Each structure stands twice: as C-alpha cells, then as structure tokens.
Amino acid sequence: MDRFTDEELKTRVHDGYVVESVEEMSEGYRKALVVQLTVQADTELISAPAYWRAARHAPSTNTQVSAHAIIQDELAHANIAYRLLEDLGVSKESLVYERAPNEFKHPYGFDQPLDDWAELVVANGFFDRAGITLLGDVHRNTSYGPLKRALVKVDMEETFHLRHGEVWMRRLANAGGEARQMLQRAVDWMFPMTLEWFGLPDELKRHSGQLDFKLKGLTNDELRQVWMDSTVPLCESLGLEVPAHWSDESESYELDYPFPCHYDADRKHWDFDAGEISWDQVFQRWKGRGPMNEWYVESIRASRSRVSAWLDAPPAIPADA
C-alpha cells in the first residue's frame, strides 16, 4: 500500500483510524512514535537499578521480595517497549548496549540515588504514579494498536507499584519519629522532581507530534494536573507538606514555588528562594544527566557480561552433587 503523508495520517487517526504496522506510517508518525517508545523503554529499564539500590534497605525479607517483584516488572515493561521499537526497525541491542549513558532518554529523576526505604516507596508513590498518568493517557488515546494492547499488562502492574508506595508511605507517616522525617525529606525533593517529569509548559512546547498523530491525548500541563489531582490529596491525608495548593479561582492545583527552579543534586535540594530559572537551564541539567547515570547504565550492562562469562566457562559441578 502507498504510505500516507503526515497530514493525511493526522486526519485519519483523529477520525478513529488505528495504525497496526510500519507500512501504514508516515515518516513523521514513525519518528514521533520512536521517540515516545524510547523514553518509555529507557525509563522502565533505568528504574530497575535505581529501585534495586534502595531495596537493599528493605525492613524485612518479605518487603524486599515485594521490591524485587517490582524491579522484575520494570524490566519486563522495558522489554515490551524495546520489542515494539524493533518492529519499527530500531535495534534493541544498540539502544541498550551501544549508546553512551548520557544518551538514554529517561527522566532526570531516575539519575538520582535512592538512598533508603523511604525514598523507594515515595518513588513508587510519585514516579510510578507519573508513569501511570502518562501511560494511562497513551493507553486511552494512542492510535498505535500494538502499543495500546501491550499497555493493558503494563497498566495493571504499575498500579501494583503505586499501591505499594501508597501503603508504605502511610505506614511510615503513621510510625512518626525518624521514619516520618525520612518520608518528608523524600517528598521534599521528589515532588518537584516529578512535576518536571512532564516537560515543558504548554505555552513553550516545541513539538506536538505526539498530539498531532494521536499518540497521546493530554498536553504536558494537563498531565501535570492529573498527577497532582491524586498526589496532593494523598500527601495532605498523611500530614505531609507539599509546595502546591488547590485554587478555587483557577479550579486547578497551583505551585507554591518558582517553576522551574535550581536543583542541587549533591544535597537533593530545590532552591526555591533563588527564583525561577529558564527551561534552557533545565535542559542543560537534563543533558548533563544526574549523579547515578553512568552507574545505573553500566550496572545493567555488567549483568550480561557476567552471564556471558559464566556461559563461556561454567563452574565445574562436583561429582557428588
């Protein structure tokens, strides 16, 4: 069949047309889909070593098993997205093993160290909620059939991750003392970090391919509001302070700090008092990646080299085994 032009395909998908194969795609559609899937795959992949590092601080064997189950899910979700990219002619091998660490497309939040159990469960409660917000929108609206079907499994498992975070945030909040203080410290840096996750404000958005080709349905600011619609009430119900409030006038959540603003990665601290910075400065920080970028990427790659070495020269099995 003849390929559609970009404009023809934009019209068709907004009339309900579902794309099932590369042969139906315009070049603009394919490029926008590749970008979207690469961010999705990289985010799921890099979350695994980030969560593993914090899971070592689990308060019991049972809770560590739950954390490892989440890590297993994240790796499976990454594989789904990389597999869809292979259908588009993109090499999974190249994406995972041949790019420089700073070329990965995951959010800056996953380049930060998660140093304790409180930070892990807030990551489940905040970061995984952002994932559900983004992928839930994609699942409801995407014009790409294979992705829509794949997200049925992903959405169910991400909901488990979110509930794990909510349950443990509640337990730590109710425990009081140092546990509650650790929880609040995690919320202090991870709340603004997650709000950045959704990208440029709508008035500054430079690319609209994902909306034009109906690869998603909501704008960045709309997605930010969806995330706050559930996150702010959760934190308020636990007595946790967040820099946002509901405005009856605008009928939306408004931020109580300059957005965006400077972030000190060494201290995990947002400098609200220094005022608003430009999004060009934010992009510069993102491109420079965070402190754990190389460690997380190399930890994933090292696992394959260890398995390959074992397969090339497996240990001898004792005769009496």
Protein backbone atom coordinates (compact mmCIF):
# COMPACT_ATOMS: atom_id res chain seq x y z
CA MET A 1 0.00 0.00 0.00
CA ASP A 2 1.09 3.60 -0.54
CA ARG A 3 2.23 5.39 2.59
CA PHE A 4 0.09 8.20 3.91
CA THR A 5 1.52 11.68 4.08
CA ASP A 6 1.88 13.21 7.54
CA GLU A 7 -1.19 15.38 7.05
CA GLU A 8 -3.30 12.51 5.69
CA LEU A 9 -2.40 10.31 8.65
CA LYS A 10 -3.07 13.06 11.19
CA THR A 11 -6.57 13.44 9.78
CA ARG A 12 -7.20 9.68 9.70
CA VAL A 13 -6.09 8.93 13.26
CA HIS A 14 -8.23 11.76 14.65
CA ASP A 15 -11.15 10.19 12.79
CA GLY A 16 -10.50 6.91 14.62
CA TYR A 17 -8.04 5.14 12.33
CA VAL A 18 -5.77 2.66 14.18
CA VAL A 19 -2.26 2.10 12.84
CA GLU A 20 -1.11 -1.52 13.01
CA SER A 21 2.13 -1.69 11.00
CA VAL A 22 5.10 0.29 9.76
CA GLU A 23 3.70 0.13 6.25
CA GLU A 24 0.81 2.37 7.30
CA MET A 25 3.01 5.02 8.92
CA SER A 26 4.17 8.32 7.51
CA GLU A 27 7.77 9.17 8.34
CA GLY A 28 6.67 11.85 10.79
CA TYR A 29 4.41 9.36 12.61
CA ARG A 30 7.19 6.78 12.86
CA LYS A 31 9.70 9.32 14.22
CA ALA A 32 7.28 10.58 16.87
CA LEU A 33 6.45 7.01 17.90
CA VAL A 34 10.14 6.04 18.12
CA VAL A 35 10.83 9.00 20.43
CA GLN A 36 7.87 8.13 22.65
CA LEU A 37 8.74 4.43 22.90
CA THR A 38 12.42 5.13 23.53
CA VAL A 39 11.58 7.34 26.51
CA GLN A 40 9.16 4.69 27.77
CA ALA A 41 11.67 1.84 27.39
CA ASP A 42 14.62 3.73 28.88
CA THR A 43 12.56 4.90 31.86
CA GLU A 44 11.41 1.37 32.71
CA LEU A 45 14.94 0.00 32.27
CA ILE A 46 16.77 2.54 34.42
CA SER A 47 14.18 2.34 37.18
CA ALA A 48 15.36 -1.22 37.86
CA PRO A 49 18.88 -0.46 39.18
CA ALA A 50 17.56 2.67 40.91
CA TYR A 51 14.97 0.60 42.80
CA TRP A 52 17.42 -2.25 43.44
CA ARG A 53 19.86 0.10 45.14
CA ALA A 54 17.17 1.23 47.59
CA ALA A 55 15.62 -2.23 48.02
CA ARG A 56 18.69 -3.28 49.97
CA HIS A 57 17.31 -1.14 52.81
CA ALA A 58 14.01 -3.02 52.98
CA PRO A 59 12.87 -3.50 56.59
CA SER A 60 12.21 -7.25 56.18
CA THR A 61 12.71 -10.17 53.82
CA ASN A 62 9.06 -10.01 52.73
CA THR A 63 9.28 -6.33 51.84
CA GLN A 64 12.50 -6.93 49.93
CA VAL A 65 10.75 -9.66 47.92
CA SER A 66 7.97 -7.18 47.07
CA ALA A 67 10.53 -4.62 45.94
CA HIS A 68 12.31 -7.19 43.78
CA ALA A 69 8.97 -8.16 42.20
CA ILE A 70 8.53 -4.51 41.20
CA ILE A 71 12.03 -4.48 39.71
CA GLN A 72 11.23 -7.60 37.70
CA ASP A 73 8.07 -5.94 36.38
CA GLU A 74 10.01 -2.84 35.32
CA LEU A 75 12.49 -4.91 33.32
CA ALA A 76 9.63 -6.73 31.62
CA HIS A 77 7.96 -3.41 30.78
CA ALA A 78 11.22 -2.16 29.29
CA ASN A 79 11.46 -5.27 27.14
CA ILE A 80 7.93 -4.70 25.83
CA ALA A 81 8.77 -1.18 24.68
CA TYR A 82 12.13 -2.20 23.18
CA ARG A 83 10.37 -5.05 21.37
CA LEU A 84 7.88 -2.61 19.86
CA LEU A 85 10.82 -0.47 18.75
CA GLU A 86 12.30 -3.48 16.96
CA ASP A 87 9.10 -3.67 14.92
CA LEU A 88 9.86 -0.11 13.82
CA GLY A 89 13.35 -1.07 12.67
CA VAL A 90 15.23 0.12 15.77
CA SER A 91 17.88 -2.20 17.26
CA LYS A 92 17.27 -3.11 20.91
CA GLU A 93 20.87 -4.28 21.13
CA SER A 94 22.11 -0.87 20.02
CA LEU A 95 19.80 1.03 22.35
CA VAL A 96 20.72 -0.92 25.47
CA TYR A 97 24.40 -1.71 24.91
CA GLU A 98 25.87 0.75 22.42
CA ARG A 99 24.70 4.22 23.45
CA ALA A 100 26.67 6.41 25.82
CA PRO A 101 24.93 6.57 29.23
CA ASN A 102 24.09 10.26 28.75
CA GLU A 103 22.21 9.39 25.54
CA PHE A 104 19.50 7.46 27.40
CA LYS A 105 16.13 9.23 27.37
CA HIS A 106 14.75 8.51 30.86
CA PRO A 107 13.63 11.39 33.12
CA TYR A 108 16.26 13.16 35.18
CA GLY A 109 14.59 11.86 38.35
CA PHE A 110 15.95 8.39 37.67
CA ASP A 111 19.52 9.69 37.62
CA GLN A 112 19.30 10.43 41.34
CA PRO A 113 20.36 7.97 44.06
CA LEU A 114 17.54 6.42 46.07
CA ASP A 115 19.32 6.07 49.39
CA ASP A 116 16.80 4.47 51.74
CA TRP A 117 13.46 2.68 52.01
CA ALA A 118 11.51 5.92 52.37
CA GLU A 119 12.89 7.20 49.07
CA LEU A 120 12.00 3.91 47.35
CA VAL A 121 8.36 3.97 48.47
CA VAL A 122 7.99 7.66 47.58
CA ALA A 123 9.43 6.82 44.17
CA ASN A 124 6.69 4.18 43.87
CA GLY A 125 4.10 6.68 45.04
CA PHE A 126 5.34 9.59 42.88
CA PHE A 127 7.40 8.29 39.94
CA ASP A 128 5.22 5.26 39.25
CA ARG A 129 2.15 7.48 39.53
CA ALA A 130 3.71 9.71 36.86
CA GLY A 131 4.24 6.60 34.75
CA ILE A 132 0.60 5.58 35.17
CA THR A 133 -0.51 9.13 34.37
CA LEU A 134 1.50 9.17 31.15
CA LEU A 135 0.90 5.59 30.00
CA GLY A 136 -2.73 5.61 31.07
CA ASP A 137 -3.27 8.57 28.76
CA VAL A 138 -1.42 6.76 25.99
CA HIS A 139 -3.48 3.60 26.53
CA ARG A 140 -6.75 5.51 26.29
CA ASN A 141 -5.80 7.61 23.28
CA THR A 142 -2.98 6.11 21.23
CA SER A 143 -3.59 5.46 17.55
CA TYR A 144 -0.93 2.72 17.51
CA GLY A 145 -2.71 -0.60 18.05
CA PRO A 146 0.22 -2.79 19.21
CA LEU A 147 1.12 -0.28 21.94
CA LYS A 148 -2.47 0.03 23.13
CA ARG A 149 -2.72 -3.74 23.58
CA ALA A 150 0.68 -4.03 25.29
CA LEU A 151 -0.24 -1.38 27.85
CA VAL A 152 -3.07 -3.49 29.31
CA LYS A 153 -0.49 -5.63 31.15
CA VAL A 154 1.78 -2.70 31.97
CA ASP A 155 -1.03 -0.64 33.49
CA MET A 156 -2.13 -3.42 35.85
CA GLU A 157 1.40 -3.99 37.13
CA GLU A 158 2.20 -0.29 37.50
CA THR A 159 -0.94 0.02 39.62
CA PHE A 160 0.55 -2.58 42.00
CA HIS A 161 3.75 -0.50 42.23
CA LEU A 162 1.72 2.60 43.04
CA ARG A 163 -0.30 0.84 45.74
CA HIS A 164 2.92 -0.50 47.26
CA GLY A 165 4.18 3.07 47.52
CA GLU A 166 0.95 4.41 48.99
CA VAL A 167 0.70 1.66 51.62
CA TRP A 168 4.27 2.18 52.77
CA MET A 169 4.04 5.96 52.73
CA ARG A 170 1.06 5.62 55.06
CA ARG A 171 2.94 3.20 57.34
CA LEU A 172 5.96 5.48 57.63
CA ALA A 173 3.78 8.54 58.20
CA ASN A 174 1.86 6.76 60.97
CA ALA A 175 5.07 5.48 62.55
CA GLY A 176 6.13 9.03 63.36
CA GLY A 177 9.58 9.95 64.59
CA GLU A 178 12.57 9.41 62.31
CA ALA A 179 10.51 7.33 59.85
CA ARG A 180 8.14 10.22 59.26
CA GLN A 181 11.03 12.67 58.96
CA MET A 182 12.71 10.49 56.33
CA LEU A 183 9.42 10.32 54.44
CA GLN A 184 9.02 14.11 54.46
CA ARG A 185 12.61 14.60 53.29
CA ALA A 186 11.96 12.27 50.36
CA VAL A 187 8.75 14.12 49.48
CA ASP A 188 10.57 17.47 49.66
CA TRP A 189 12.87 16.67 46.73
CA MET A 190 10.79 14.14 44.80
CA PHE A 191 7.58 16.19 44.48
CA PRO A 192 9.20 18.98 42.39
CA MET A 193 11.31 16.37 40.60
CA THR A 194 8.20 14.55 39.40
CA LEU A 195 6.49 17.75 38.27
CA GLU A 196 9.47 18.39 35.97
CA TRP A 197 8.93 14.87 34.59
CA PHE A 198 6.06 16.05 32.38
CA GLY A 199 8.24 18.51 30.47
CA LEU A 200 7.77 22.00 29.12
CA PRO A 201 4.69 24.07 29.95
CA ASP A 202 2.19 24.06 27.12
CA GLU A 203 2.91 27.63 26.07
CA LEU A 204 6.57 26.72 25.45
CA LYS A 205 6.08 23.26 23.93
CA ARG A 206 8.22 22.94 20.82
CA HIS A 207 6.98 19.61 19.43
CA SER A 208 3.38 18.49 19.03
CA GLY A 209 3.86 15.31 17.01
CA GLN A 210 2.54 13.02 19.73
CA LEU A 211 -0.69 15.02 19.93
CA ASP A 212 -0.98 15.62 16.19
CA PHE A 213 -0.61 11.90 15.45
CA LYS A 214 -2.80 10.96 18.43
CA LEU A 215 -0.03 9.04 20.17
CA LYS A 216 -1.29 10.59 23.41
CA GLY A 217 -4.32 12.66 24.32
CA LEU A 218 -3.37 15.19 27.00
CA THR A 219 -0.91 18.08 26.99
CA ASN A 220 2.02 18.34 29.41
CA ASP A 221 0.21 20.75 31.72
CA GLU A 222 -2.95 18.63 31.67
CA LEU A 223 -0.89 15.57 32.63
CA ARG A 224 0.77 17.55 35.44
CA GLN A 225 -2.66 18.40 36.80
CA VAL A 226 -3.85 14.79 36.60
CA TRP A 227 -0.81 13.75 38.63
CA MET A 228 -1.42 16.43 41.27
CA ASP A 229 -5.13 15.57 41.43
CA SER A 230 -4.25 12.37 43.28
CA THR A 231 -0.79 13.12 44.69
CA VAL A 232 -1.58 16.30 46.63
CA PRO A 233 -4.64 14.83 48.41
CA LEU A 234 -2.62 11.71 49.28
CA CYS A 235 0.13 13.78 50.89
CA GLU A 236 -2.34 16.03 52.68
CA SER A 237 -4.15 12.99 54.09
CA LEU A 238 -0.83 11.79 55.54
CA GLY A 239 0.03 15.19 57.00
CA LEU A 240 2.93 15.65 54.58
CA GLU A 241 3.80 19.11 53.32
CA VAL A 242 3.92 19.71 49.56
CA PRO A 243 4.51 23.03 47.74
CA ALA A 244 1.14 23.11 45.96
CA HIS A 245 -2.43 24.11 46.78
CA TRP A 246 -5.89 23.97 45.24
CA SER A 247 -7.16 27.21 43.74
CA ASP A 248 -10.93 27.67 43.53
CA GLU A 249 -10.37 30.58 41.19
CA SER A 250 -8.44 28.61 38.54
CA GLU A 251 -10.06 25.28 39.50
CA SER A 252 -6.65 23.65 39.43
CA TYR A 253 -3.61 22.99 41.58
CA GLU A 254 -1.13 25.84 41.71
CA LEU A 255 2.51 25.62 42.78
CA ASP A 256 3.87 27.49 45.79
CA TYR A 257 7.38 27.80 44.37
CA PRO A 258 9.01 29.16 41.21
CA PHE A 259 8.72 26.61 38.41
CA PRO A 260 11.23 25.64 37.19
CA CYS A 261 13.97 26.35 39.71
CA HIS A 262 17.53 25.33 40.53
CA TYR A 263 18.22 21.83 41.86
CA ASP A 264 21.33 20.89 43.84
CA ALA A 265 21.87 17.19 43.09
CA ASP A 266 24.55 16.77 45.76
CA ARG A 267 22.18 17.95 48.50
CA LYS A 268 18.92 16.81 46.88
CA HIS A 269 17.65 20.33 47.45
CA TRP A 270 15.49 22.72 45.39
CA ASP A 271 16.45 26.36 45.78
CA PHE A 272 13.02 27.99 45.89
CA ASP A 273 14.44 31.26 47.26
CA ALA A 274 16.68 31.86 44.21
CA GLY A 275 13.66 32.30 41.97
CA GLU A 276 12.65 30.92 38.61
CA ILE A 277 15.22 29.73 36.08
CA SER A 278 14.80 29.27 32.33
CA TRP A 279 13.82 25.98 30.72
CA ASP A 280 17.06 26.19 28.74
CA GLN A 281 18.85 25.86 32.07
CA VAL A 282 16.68 22.86 32.92
CA PHE A 283 17.52 21.24 29.59
CA GLN A 284 21.21 21.84 30.26
CA ARG A 285 20.86 20.00 33.60
CA TRP A 286 18.95 17.16 31.95
CA LYS A 287 21.53 16.76 29.19
CA GLY A 288 24.33 16.67 31.73
CA ARG A 289 22.47 13.83 33.45
CA GLY A 290 22.43 13.17 37.17
CA PRO A 291 24.98 11.64 39.54
CA MET A 292 23.90 7.99 39.06
CA ASN A 293 23.51 7.97 35.27
CA GLU A 294 26.65 6.05 34.38
CA TRP A 295 26.43 3.71 37.38
CA TYR A 296 22.86 2.68 36.57
CA VAL A 297 23.55 2.08 32.87
CA GLU A 298 26.76 0.17 33.48
CA SER A 299 25.16 -1.96 36.21
CA ILE A 300 22.63 -3.19 33.63
CA ARG A 301 25.30 -3.92 31.06
CA ALA A 302 27.57 -5.65 33.57
CA SER A 303 24.94 -8.30 34.27
CA ARG A 304 25.12 -9.53 30.68
CA SER A 305 28.90 -9.70 30.68
CA ARG A 306 28.85 -11.75 33.88
CA VAL A 307 26.30 -14.20 32.45
CA SER A 308 28.24 -14.44 29.17
CA ALA A 309 31.44 -15.22 31.06
CA TRP A 310 29.66 -17.91 33.04
CA LEU A 311 28.23 -19.49 29.87
CA ASP A 312 31.65 -19.47 28.22
CA ALA A 313 33.29 -21.16 31.21
CA PRO A 314 30.67 -22.55 33.61
CA PRO A 315 31.88 -23.65 37.03
CA ALA A 316 32.60 -27.36 37.44
CA ILE A 317 29.86 -29.38 39.10
CA PRO A 318 31.18 -31.65 41.91
CA ALA A 319 30.86 -35.34 41.13
CA ASP A 320 28.89 -35.97 44.32
CA ALA A 321 26.46 -33.12 43.76
